[in-house]
Amino acid sequence: MEIINQNKKLATILFVAITILFIPLIAMNFTNDVTWTLFDFVVVGVLLFGSGILLEFILRKTKKLKNRIIFALVLLVSLFLIWAELAVGIFGSPFAGS
């Protein structure tokens, strides 16, 4: 039973990551402002799927609600900052793509 639940969670994480990736894919059909390459989709897919797996790990390993919330917020803020850096270069690092 445990393996089935883990597979469902993994499938849910993958589904959410793919659903989020559909947003820029659809936007590329309606505007020229969104120009993603296959590499962009792969990088963001790895970020989203990896963050989902890390979130599942955090929720599984931490027992206190306060710690779960803190760790989850740190993970989500980190994901947002990495995504923003890769997208527009808010810190000006060489990874910004500019």
PDB file of N, CA and C in Angstrom:
ATOM      1  N   MET A   1       0.813  -1.193   0.000  1.00  0.00           N
ATOM      2  CA  MET A   1       0.000   0.000   0.000  1.00  0.00           C
ATOM      3  C   MET A   1       0.858   1.260   0.000  1.00  0.00           C
ATOM      4  N   GLU A   2       1.980   1.196   0.704  1.00  0.00           N
ATOM      5  CA  GLU A   2       2.881   2.353   0.789  1.00  0.00           C
ATOM      6  C   GLU A   2       3.444   2.722  -0.581  1.00  0.00           C
ATOM      7  N   ILE A   3       3.779   1.720  -1.382  1.00  0.00           N
ATOM      8  CA  ILE A   3       4.340   1.976  -2.705  1.00  0.00           C
ATOM      9  C   ILE A   3       3.304   2.637  -3.612  1.00  0.00           C
ATOM     10  N   ILE A   4       2.072   2.227  -3.512  1.00  0.00           N
ATOM     11  CA  ILE A   4       1.009   2.824  -4.323  1.00  0.00           C
ATOM     12  C   ILE A   4       0.823   4.283  -3.954  1.00  0.00           C
ATOM     13  N   ASN A   5       0.835   4.604  -2.654  1.00  0.00           N
ATOM     14  CA  ASN A   5       0.702   5.994  -2.215  1.00  0.00           C
ATOM     15  C   ASN A   5       1.875   6.831  -2.689  1.00  0.00           C
ATOM     16  N   GLN A   6       3.087   6.277  -2.630  1.00  0.00           N
ATOM     17  CA  GLN A   6       4.265   7.007  -3.093  1.00  0.00           C
ATOM     18  C   GLN A   6       4.183   7.259  -4.595  1.00  0.00           C
ATOM     19  N   ASN A   7       3.709   6.285  -5.346  1.00  0.00           N
ATOM     20  CA  ASN A   7       3.565   6.463  -6.788  1.00  0.00           C
ATOM     21  C   ASN A   7       2.518   7.518  -7.117  1.00  0.00           C
ATOM     22  N   LYS A   8       1.443   7.555  -6.340  1.00  0.00           N
ATOM     23  CA  LYS A   8       0.423   8.583  -6.553  1.00  0.00           C
ATOM     24  C   LYS A   8       0.980   9.970  -6.262  1.00  0.00           C
ATOM     25  N   LYS A   9       1.770  10.092  -5.201  1.00  0.00           N
ATOM     26  CA  LYS A   9       2.376  11.380  -4.877  1.00  0.00           C
ATOM     27  C   LYS A   9       3.351  11.798  -5.959  1.00  0.00           C
ATOM     28  N   LEU A  10       4.159  10.865  -6.433  1.00  0.00           N
ATOM     29  CA  LEU A  10       5.112  11.152  -7.497  1.00  0.00           C
ATOM     30  C   LEU A  10       4.385  11.567  -8.773  1.00  0.00           C
ATOM     31  N   ALA A  11       3.305  10.875  -9.100  1.00  0.00           N
ATOM     32  CA  ALA A  11       2.515  11.221 -10.281  1.00  0.00           C
ATOM     33  C   ALA A  11       1.878  12.600 -10.132  1.00  0.00           C
ATOM     34  N   THR A  12       1.427  12.923  -8.937  1.00  0.00           N
ATOM     35  CA  THR A  12       0.838  14.242  -8.692  1.00  0.00           C
ATOM     36  C   THR A  12       1.881  15.340  -8.855  1.00  0.00           C
ATOM     37  N   ILE A  13       3.074  15.123  -8.321  1.00  0.00           N
ATOM     38  CA  ILE A  13       4.148  16.108  -8.454  1.00  0.00           C
ATOM     39  C   ILE A  13       4.493  16.313  -9.927  1.00  0.00           C
ATOM     40  N   LEU A  14       4.610  15.231 -10.671  1.00  0.00           N
ATOM     41  CA  LEU A  14       4.915  15.310 -12.089  1.00  0.00           C
ATOM     42  C   LEU A  14       3.800  16.017 -12.847  1.00  0.00           C
ATOM     43  N   PHE A  15       2.551  15.718 -12.526  1.00  0.00           N
ATOM     44  CA  PHE A  15       1.408  16.358 -13.175  1.00  0.00           C
ATOM     45  C   PHE A  15       1.401  17.868 -12.932  1.00  0.00           C
ATOM     46  N   VAL A  16       1.662  18.277 -11.698  1.00  0.00           N
ATOM     47  CA  VAL A  16       1.678  19.710 -11.379  1.00  0.00           C
ATOM     48  C   VAL A  16       2.816  20.410 -12.119  1.00  0.00           C
ATOM     49  N   ALA A  17       3.991  19.797 -12.168  1.00  0.00           N
ATOM     50  CA  ALA A  17       5.133  20.385 -12.873  1.00  0.00           C
ATOM     51  C   ALA A  17       4.819  20.543 -14.361  1.00  0.00           C
ATOM     52  N   ILE A  18       4.252  19.526 -14.966  1.00  0.00           N
ATOM     53  CA  ILE A  18       3.915  19.596 -16.391  1.00  0.00           C
ATOM     54  C   ILE A  18       2.826  20.629 -16.643  1.00  0.00           C
ATOM     55  N   THR A  19       1.851  20.703 -15.747  1.00  0.00           N
ATOM     56  CA  THR A  19       0.780  21.687 -15.893  1.00  0.00           C
ATOM     57  C   THR A  19       1.333  23.104 -15.850  1.00  0.00           C
ATOM     58  N   ILE A  20       2.255  23.364 -14.941  1.00  0.00           N
ATOM     59  CA  ILE A  20       2.875  24.692 -14.871  1.00  0.00           C
ATOM     60  C   ILE A  20       3.677  24.981 -16.130  1.00  0.00           C
ATOM     61  N   LEU A  21       4.328  23.975 -16.687  1.00  0.00           N
ATOM     62  CA  LEU A  21       5.103  24.167 -17.917  1.00  0.00           C
ATOM     63  C   LEU A  21       4.214  24.442 -19.127  1.00  0.00           C
ATOM     64  N   PHE A  22       2.954  24.068 -19.057  1.00  0.00           N
ATOM     65  CA  PHE A  22       2.048  24.365 -20.159  1.00  0.00           C
ATOM     66  C   PHE A  22       1.760  25.864 -20.272  1.00  0.00           C
ATOM     67  N   ILE A  23       1.906  26.611 -19.202  1.00  0.00           N
ATOM     68  CA  ILE A  23       1.613  28.049 -19.232  1.00  0.00           C
ATOM     69  C   ILE A  23       2.507  28.772 -20.245  1.00  0.00           C
ATOM     70  N   PRO A  24       3.844  28.657 -20.161  1.00  0.00           N
ATOM     71  CA  PRO A  24       4.651  29.331 -21.186  1.00  0.00           C
ATOM     72  C   PRO A  24       4.498  28.695 -22.571  1.00  0.00           C
ATOM     73  N   LEU A  25       4.240  27.395 -22.625  1.00  0.00           N
ATOM     74  CA  LEU A  25       4.055  26.742 -23.920  1.00  0.00           C
ATOM     75  C   LEU A  25       2.853  27.320 -24.656  1.00  0.00           C
ATOM     76  N   ILE A  26       1.763  27.512 -23.932  1.00  0.00           N
ATOM     77  CA  ILE A  26       0.563  28.109 -24.530  1.00  0.00           C
ATOM     78  C   ILE A  26       0.800  29.588 -24.838  1.00  0.00           C
ATOM     79  N   ALA A  27       1.478  30.288 -23.932  1.00  0.00           N
ATOM     80  CA  ALA A  27       1.742  31.717 -24.143  1.00  0.00           C
ATOM     81  C   ALA A  27       2.587  31.953 -25.392  1.00  0.00           C
ATOM     82  N   MET A  28       3.484  31.033 -25.699  1.00  0.00           N
ATOM     83  CA  MET A  28       4.327  31.184 -26.885  1.00  0.00           C
ATOM     84  C   MET A  28       3.499  31.183 -28.171  1.00  0.00           C
ATOM     85  N   ASN A  29       2.317  30.598 -28.135  1.00  0.00           N
ATOM     86  CA  ASN A  29       1.459  30.568 -29.317  1.00  0.00           C
ATOM     87  C   ASN A  29       0.681  31.857 -29.520  1.00  0.00           C
ATOM     88  N   PHE A  30       0.611  32.698 -28.486  1.00  0.00           N
ATOM     89  CA  PHE A  30      -0.189  33.909 -28.565  1.00  0.00           C
ATOM     90  C   PHE A  30       0.628  35.197 -28.564  1.00  0.00           C
ATOM     91  N   THR A  31       1.884  35.139 -28.139  1.00  0.00           N
ATOM     92  CA  THR A  31       2.687  36.349 -28.075  1.00  0.00           C
ATOM     93  C   THR A  31       4.142  36.038 -28.406  1.00  0.00           C
ATOM     94  N   ASN A  32       4.829  37.038 -28.906  1.00  0.00           N
ATOM     95  CA  ASN A  32       6.257  36.887 -29.183  1.00  0.00           C
ATOM     96  C   ASN A  32       7.107  37.265 -27.980  1.00  0.00           C
ATOM     97  N   ASP A  33       6.479  37.713 -26.905  1.00  0.00           N
ATOM     98  CA  ASP A  33       7.215  38.093 -25.700  1.00  0.00           C
ATOM     99  C   ASP A  33       7.732  36.880 -24.936  1.00  0.00           C
ATOM    100  N   VAL A  34       7.120  35.745 -25.130  1.00  0.00           N
ATOM    101  CA  VAL A  34       7.554  34.515 -24.470  1.00  0.00           C
ATOM    102  C   VAL A  34       8.275  33.663 -25.509  1.00  0.00           C
ATOM    103  N   THR A  35       9.581  33.529 -25.344  1.00  0.00           N
ATOM    104  CA  THR A  35      10.375  32.738 -26.287  1.00  0.00           C
ATOM    105  C   THR A  35      11.251  31.773 -25.503  1.00  0.00           C
ATOM    106  N   TRP A  36      10.712  30.621 -25.196  1.00  0.00           N
ATOM    107  CA  TRP A  36      11.445  29.603 -24.465  1.00  0.00           C
ATOM    108  C   TRP A  36      12.005  28.594 -25.453  1.00  0.00           C
ATOM    109  N   THR A  37      13.175  28.086 -25.128  1.00  0.00           N
ATOM    110  CA  THR A  37      13.765  27.006 -25.908  1.00  0.00           C
ATOM    111  C   THR A  37      13.528  25.693 -25.169  1.00  0.00           C
ATOM    112  N   LEU A  38      13.911  24.613 -25.813  1.00  0.00           N
ATOM    113  CA  LEU A  38      13.792  23.310 -25.159  1.00  0.00           C
ATOM    114  C   LEU A  38      14.608  23.282 -23.870  1.00  0.00           C
ATOM    115  N   PHE A  39      15.770  23.920 -23.899  1.00  0.00           N
ATOM    116  CA  PHE A  39      16.622  23.983 -22.707  1.00  0.00           C
ATOM    117  C   PHE A  39      15.898  24.675 -21.554  1.00  0.00           C
ATOM    118  N   ASP A  40      15.182  25.763 -21.841  1.00  0.00           N
ATOM    119  CA  ASP A  40      14.426  26.475 -20.807  1.00  0.00           C
ATOM    120  C   ASP A  40      13.376  25.561 -20.166  1.00  0.00           C
ATOM    121  N   PHE A  41      12.665  24.814 -21.004  1.00  0.00           N
ATOM    122  CA  PHE A  41      11.653  23.903 -20.487  1.00  0.00           C
ATOM    123  C   PHE A  41      12.273  22.805 -19.637  1.00  0.00           C
ATOM    124  N   VAL A  42      13.421  22.302 -20.064  1.00  0.00           N
ATOM    125  CA  VAL A  42      14.092  21.242 -19.304  1.00  0.00           C
ATOM    126  C   VAL A  42      14.550  21.776 -17.949  1.00  0.00           C
ATOM    127  N   VAL A  43      15.177  22.953 -17.943  1.00  0.00           N
ATOM    128  CA  VAL A  43      15.684  23.528 -16.688  1.00  0.00           C
ATOM    129  C   VAL A  43      14.535  23.796 -15.722  1.00  0.00           C
ATOM    130  N   VAL A  44      13.490  24.411 -16.185  1.00  0.00           N
ATOM    131  CA  VAL A  44      12.360  24.728 -15.308  1.00  0.00           C
ATOM    132  C   VAL A  44      11.645  23.444 -14.881  1.00  0.00           C
ATOM    133  N   GLY A  45      11.561  22.472 -15.768  1.00  0.00           N
ATOM    134  CA  GLY A  45      10.975  21.189 -15.398  1.00  0.00           C
ATOM    135  C   GLY A  45      11.749  20.517 -14.274  1.00  0.00           C
ATOM    136  N   VAL A  46      13.081  20.561 -14.371  1.00  0.00           N
ATOM    137  CA  VAL A  46      13.916  19.985 -13.308  1.00  0.00           C
ATOM    138  C   VAL A  46      13.732  20.768 -12.013  1.00  0.00           C
ATOM    139  N   LEU A  47      13.672  22.097 -12.113  1.00  0.00           N
ATOM    140  CA  LEU A  47      13.443  22.922 -10.919  1.00  0.00           C
ATOM    141  C   LEU A  47      12.110  22.586 -10.252  1.00  0.00           C
ATOM    142  N   LEU A  48      11.061  22.509 -11.046  1.00  0.00           N
ATOM    143  CA  LEU A  48       9.734  22.248 -10.484  1.00  0.00           C
ATOM    144  C   LEU A  48       9.628  20.835  -9.921  1.00  0.00           C
ATOM    145  N   PHE A  49      10.073  19.855 -10.691  1.00  0.00           N
ATOM    146  CA  PHE A  49       9.989  18.477 -10.232  1.00  0.00           C
ATOM    147  C   PHE A  49      10.888  18.265  -9.016  1.00  0.00           C
ATOM    148  N   GLY A  50      12.092  18.826  -9.050  1.00  0.00           N
ATOM    149  CA  GLY A  50      13.002  18.709  -7.908  1.00  0.00           C
ATOM    150  C   GLY A  50      12.446  19.371  -6.661  1.00  0.00           C
ATOM    151  N   SER A  51      11.826  20.523  -6.838  1.00  0.00           N
ATOM    152  CA  SER A  51      11.221  21.209  -5.695  1.00  0.00           C
ATOM    153  C   SER A  51      10.052  20.404  -5.136  1.00  0.00           C
ATOM    154  N   GLY A  52       9.277  19.806  -6.015  1.00  0.00           N
ATOM    155  CA  GLY A  52       8.170  18.966  -5.557  1.00  0.00           C
ATOM    156  C   GLY A  52       8.657  17.764  -4.773  1.00  0.00           C
ATOM    157  N   ILE A  53       9.724  17.144  -5.257  1.00  0.00           N
ATOM    158  CA  ILE A  53      10.293  15.990  -4.552  1.00  0.00           C
ATOM    159  C   ILE A  53      10.862  16.432  -3.199  1.00  0.00           C
ATOM    160  N   LEU A  54      11.561  17.567  -3.180  1.00  0.00           N
ATOM    161  CA  LEU A  54      12.098  18.083  -1.914  1.00  0.00           C
ATOM    162  C   LEU A  54      10.983  18.428  -0.932  1.00  0.00           C
ATOM    163  N   LEU A  55       9.898  19.000  -1.438  1.00  0.00           N
ATOM    164  CA  LEU A  55       8.768  19.318  -0.568  1.00  0.00           C
ATOM    165  C   LEU A  55       8.164  18.041   0.019  1.00  0.00           C
ATOM    166  N   GLU A  56       8.035  17.024  -0.799  1.00  0.00           N
ATOM    167  CA  GLU A  56       7.524  15.742  -0.299  1.00  0.00           C
ATOM    168  C   GLU A  56       8.460  15.174   0.764  1.00  0.00           C
ATOM    169  N   PHE A  57       9.759  15.280   0.546  1.00  0.00           N
ATOM    170  CA  PHE A  57      10.745  14.812   1.521  1.00  0.00           C
ATOM    171  C   PHE A  57      10.625  15.591   2.831  1.00  0.00           C
ATOM    172  N   ILE A  58      10.478  16.909   2.731  1.00  0.00           N
ATOM    173  CA  ILE A  58      10.323  17.753   3.920  1.00  0.00           C
ATOM    174  C   ILE A  58       9.077  17.340   4.702  1.00  0.00           C
ATOM    175  N   LEU A  59       7.977  17.166   3.993  1.00  0.00           N
ATOM    176  CA  LEU A  59       6.724  16.813   4.666  1.00  0.00           C
ATOM    177  C   LEU A  59       6.785  15.427   5.292  1.00  0.00           C
ATOM    178  N   ARG A  60       7.559  14.545   4.693  1.00  0.00           N
ATOM    179  CA  ARG A  60       7.660  13.185   5.219  1.00  0.00           C
ATOM    180  C   ARG A  60       8.582  13.113   6.431  1.00  0.00           C
ATOM    181  N   LYS A  61       9.652  13.891   6.441  1.00  0.00           N
ATOM    182  CA  LYS A  61      10.673  13.765   7.480  1.00  0.00           C
ATOM    183  C   LYS A  61      10.466  14.671   8.687  1.00  0.00           C
ATOM    184  N   THR A  62       9.734  15.764   8.516  1.00  0.00           N
ATOM    185  CA  THR A  62       9.526  16.660   9.658  1.00  0.00           C
ATOM    186  C   THR A  62       8.147  16.395  10.254  1.00  0.00           C
ATOM    187  N   LYS A  63       8.099  16.413  11.570  1.00  0.00           N
ATOM    188  CA  LYS A  63       6.851  16.078  12.263  1.00  0.00           C
ATOM    189  C   LYS A  63       6.112  17.305  12.785  1.00  0.00           C
ATOM    190  N   LYS A  64       6.853  18.314  13.227  1.00  0.00           N
ATOM    191  CA  LYS A  64       6.215  19.503  13.787  1.00  0.00           C
ATOM    192  C   LYS A  64       5.689  20.398  12.671  1.00  0.00           C
ATOM    193  N   LEU A  65       4.483  20.891  12.854  1.00  0.00           N
ATOM    194  CA  LEU A  65       3.858  21.748  11.847  1.00  0.00           C
ATOM    195  C   LEU A  65       4.673  23.010  11.610  1.00  0.00           C
ATOM    196  N   LYS A  66       5.186  23.598  12.679  1.00  0.00           N
ATOM    197  CA  LYS A  66       5.977  24.827  12.559  1.00  0.00           C
ATOM    198  C   LYS A  66       7.204  24.595  11.676  1.00  0.00           C
ATOM    199  N   ASN A  67       7.907  23.490  11.887  1.00  0.00           N
ATOM    200  CA  ASN A  67       9.083  23.181  11.083  1.00  0.00           C
ATOM    201  C   ASN A  67       8.706  22.898   9.632  1.00  0.00           C
ATOM    202  N   ARG A  68       7.607  22.214   9.417  1.00  0.00           N
ATOM    203  CA  ARG A  68       7.143  21.952   8.057  1.00  0.00           C
ATOM    204  C   ARG A  68       6.903  23.251   7.302  1.00  0.00           C
ATOM    205  N   ILE A  69       6.230  24.186   7.970  1.00  0.00           N
ATOM    206  CA  ILE A  69       5.916  25.465   7.339  1.00  0.00           C
ATOM    207  C   ILE A  69       7.189  26.238   7.036  1.00  0.00           C
ATOM    208  N   ILE A  70       8.108  26.285   7.980  1.00  0.00           N
ATOM    209  CA  ILE A  70       9.354  27.026   7.784  1.00  0.00           C
ATOM    210  C   ILE A  70      10.155  26.431   6.632  1.00  0.00           C
ATOM    211  N   PHE A  71      10.355  25.114   6.647  1.00  0.00           N
ATOM    212  CA  PHE A  71      11.137  24.469   5.588  1.00  0.00           C
ATOM    213  C   PHE A  71      10.463  24.618   4.223  1.00  0.00           C
ATOM    214  N   ALA A  72       9.148  24.481   4.187  1.00  0.00           N
ATOM    215  CA  ALA A  72       8.426  24.617   2.920  1.00  0.00           C
ATOM    216  C   ALA A  72       8.532  26.040   2.384  1.00  0.00           C
ATOM    217  N   LEU A  73       8.430  27.031   3.266  1.00  0.00           N
ATOM    218  CA  LEU A  73       8.569  28.419   2.828  1.00  0.00           C
ATOM    219  C   LEU A  73       9.977  28.717   2.316  1.00  0.00           C
ATOM    220  N   VAL A  74      10.980  28.187   3.001  1.00  0.00           N
ATOM    221  CA  VAL A  74      12.368  28.370   2.536  1.00  0.00           C
ATOM    222  C   VAL A  74      12.537  27.747   1.155  1.00  0.00           C
ATOM    223  N   LEU A  75      11.987  26.565   0.953  1.00  0.00           N
ATOM    224  CA  LEU A  75      12.077  25.902  -0.342  1.00  0.00           C
ATOM    225  C   LEU A  75      11.363  26.708  -1.424  1.00  0.00           C
ATOM    226  N   LEU A  76      10.154  27.174  -1.150  1.00  0.00           N
ATOM    227  CA  LEU A  76       9.396  27.915  -2.154  1.00  0.00           C
ATOM    228  C   LEU A  76      10.020  29.271  -2.469  1.00  0.00           C
ATOM    229  N   VAL A  77      10.548  29.961  -1.467  1.00  0.00           N
ATOM    230  CA  VAL A  77      11.232  31.231  -1.716  1.00  0.00           C
ATOM    231  C   VAL A  77      12.502  30.989  -2.535  1.00  0.00           C
ATOM    232  N   SER A  78      13.224  29.917  -2.221  1.00  0.00           N
ATOM    233  CA  SER A  78      14.425  29.574  -2.991  1.00  0.00           C
ATOM    234  C   SER A  78      14.064  29.278  -4.442  1.00  0.00           C
ATOM    235  N   LEU A  79      13.007  28.513  -4.650  1.00  0.00           N
ATOM    236  CA  LEU A  79      12.555  28.218  -6.008  1.00  0.00           C
ATOM    237  C   LEU A  79      12.213  29.505  -6.744  1.00  0.00           C
ATOM    238  N   PHE A  80      11.474  30.390  -6.098  1.00  0.00           N
ATOM    239  CA  PHE A  80      11.095  31.651  -6.731  1.00  0.00           C
ATOM    240  C   PHE A  80      12.319  32.494  -7.075  1.00  0.00           C
ATOM    241  N   LEU A  81      13.279  32.591  -6.158  1.00  0.00           N
ATOM    242  CA  LEU A  81      14.469  33.403  -6.416  1.00  0.00           C
ATOM    243  C   LEU A  81      15.321  32.826  -7.541  1.00  0.00           C
ATOM    244  N   ILE A  82      15.461  31.514  -7.572  1.00  0.00           N
ATOM    245  CA  ILE A  82      16.222  30.892  -8.664  1.00  0.00           C
ATOM    246  C   ILE A  82      15.514  31.118  -9.991  1.00  0.00           C
ATOM    247  N   TRP A  83      14.199  30.927  -9.993  1.00  0.00           N
ATOM    248  CA  TRP A  83      13.427  31.127 -11.223  1.00  0.00           C
ATOM    249  C   TRP A  83      13.545  32.584 -11.691  1.00  0.00           C
ATOM    250  N   ALA A  84      13.409  33.529 -10.781  1.00  0.00           N
ATOM    251  CA  ALA A  84      13.501  34.942 -11.135  1.00  0.00           C
ATOM    252  C   ALA A  84      14.902  35.294 -11.638  1.00  0.00           C
ATOM    253  N   GLU A  85      15.923  34.725 -11.028  1.00  0.00           N
ATOM    254  CA  GLU A  85      17.290  34.979 -11.477  1.00  0.00           C
ATOM    255  C   GLU A  85      17.498  34.448 -12.887  1.00  0.00           C
ATOM    256  N   LEU A  86      17.016  33.263 -13.142  1.00  0.00           N
ATOM    257  CA  LEU A  86      17.166  32.696 -14.479  1.00  0.00           C
ATOM    258  C   LEU A  86      16.341  33.458 -15.511  1.00  0.00           C
ATOM    259  N   ALA A  87      15.206  33.996 -15.098  1.00  0.00           N
ATOM    260  CA  ALA A  87      14.316  34.679 -16.037  1.00  0.00           C
ATOM    261  C   ALA A  87      14.782  36.100 -16.357  1.00  0.00           C
ATOM    262  N   VAL A  88      15.072  36.882 -15.320  1.00  0.00           N
ATOM    263  CA  VAL A  88      15.371  38.297 -15.563  1.00  0.00           C
ATOM    264  C   VAL A  88      16.666  38.773 -14.927  1.00  0.00           C
ATOM    265  N   GLY A  89      17.322  37.949 -14.164  1.00  0.00           N
ATOM    266  CA  GLY A  89      18.602  38.329 -13.583  1.00  0.00           C
ATOM    267  C   GLY A  89      18.515  39.346 -12.475  1.00  0.00           C
ATOM    268  N   ILE A  90      17.729  39.078 -11.443  1.00  0.00           N
ATOM    269  CA  ILE A  90      17.557  40.058 -10.370  1.00  0.00           C
ATOM    270  C   ILE A  90      18.835  40.267  -9.554  1.00  0.00           C
ATOM    271  N   PHE A  91      19.757  39.302  -9.581  1.00  0.00           N
ATOM    272  CA  PHE A  91      21.014  39.448  -8.852  1.00  0.00           C
ATOM    273  C   PHE A  91      22.184  39.738  -9.779  1.00  0.00           C
ATOM    274  N   GLY A  92      21.995  39.617 -11.076  1.00  0.00           N
ATOM    275  CA  GLY A  92      23.054  39.900 -12.027  1.00  0.00           C
ATOM    276  C   GLY A  92      24.122  38.807 -12.088  1.00  0.00           C
ATOM    277  N   SER A  93      23.787  37.591 -11.793  1.00  0.00           N
ATOM    278  CA  SER A  93      24.747  36.508 -11.855  1.00  0.00           C
ATOM    279  C   SER A  93      24.949  36.066 -13.312  1.00  0.00           C
ATOM    280  N   PRO A  94      26.007  35.297 -13.566  1.00  0.00           N
ATOM    281  CA  PRO A  94      26.221  34.823 -14.946  1.00  0.00           C
ATOM    282  C   PRO A  94      25.133  33.864 -15.424  1.00  0.00           C
ATOM    283  N   PHE A  95      24.311  33.331 -14.532  1.00  0.00           N
ATOM    284  CA  PHE A  95      23.260  32.408 -14.914  1.00  0.00           C
ATOM    285  C   PHE A  95      22.021  33.104 -15.442  1.00  0.00           C
ATOM    286  N   ALA A  96      22.004  34.433 -15.395  1.00  0.00           N
ATOM    287  CA  ALA A  96      20.814  35.189 -15.754  1.00  0.00           C
ATOM    288  C   ALA A  96      20.480  35.111 -17.234  1.00  0.00           C
ATOM    289  N   GLY A  97      21.419  34.724 -18.055  1.00  0.00           N
ATOM    290  CA  GLY A  97      21.152  34.592 -19.476  1.00  0.00           C
ATOM    291  C   GLY A  97      21.214  35.891 -20.228  1.00  0.00           C
ATOM    292  N   SER A  98      21.767  36.923 -19.619  1.00  0.00           N
ATOM    293  CA  SER A  98      21.858  38.207 -20.322  1.00  0.00           C
ATOM    294  C   SER A  98      23.243  38.473 -20.820  1.00  0.00           C
TER     295      SER A  98
END
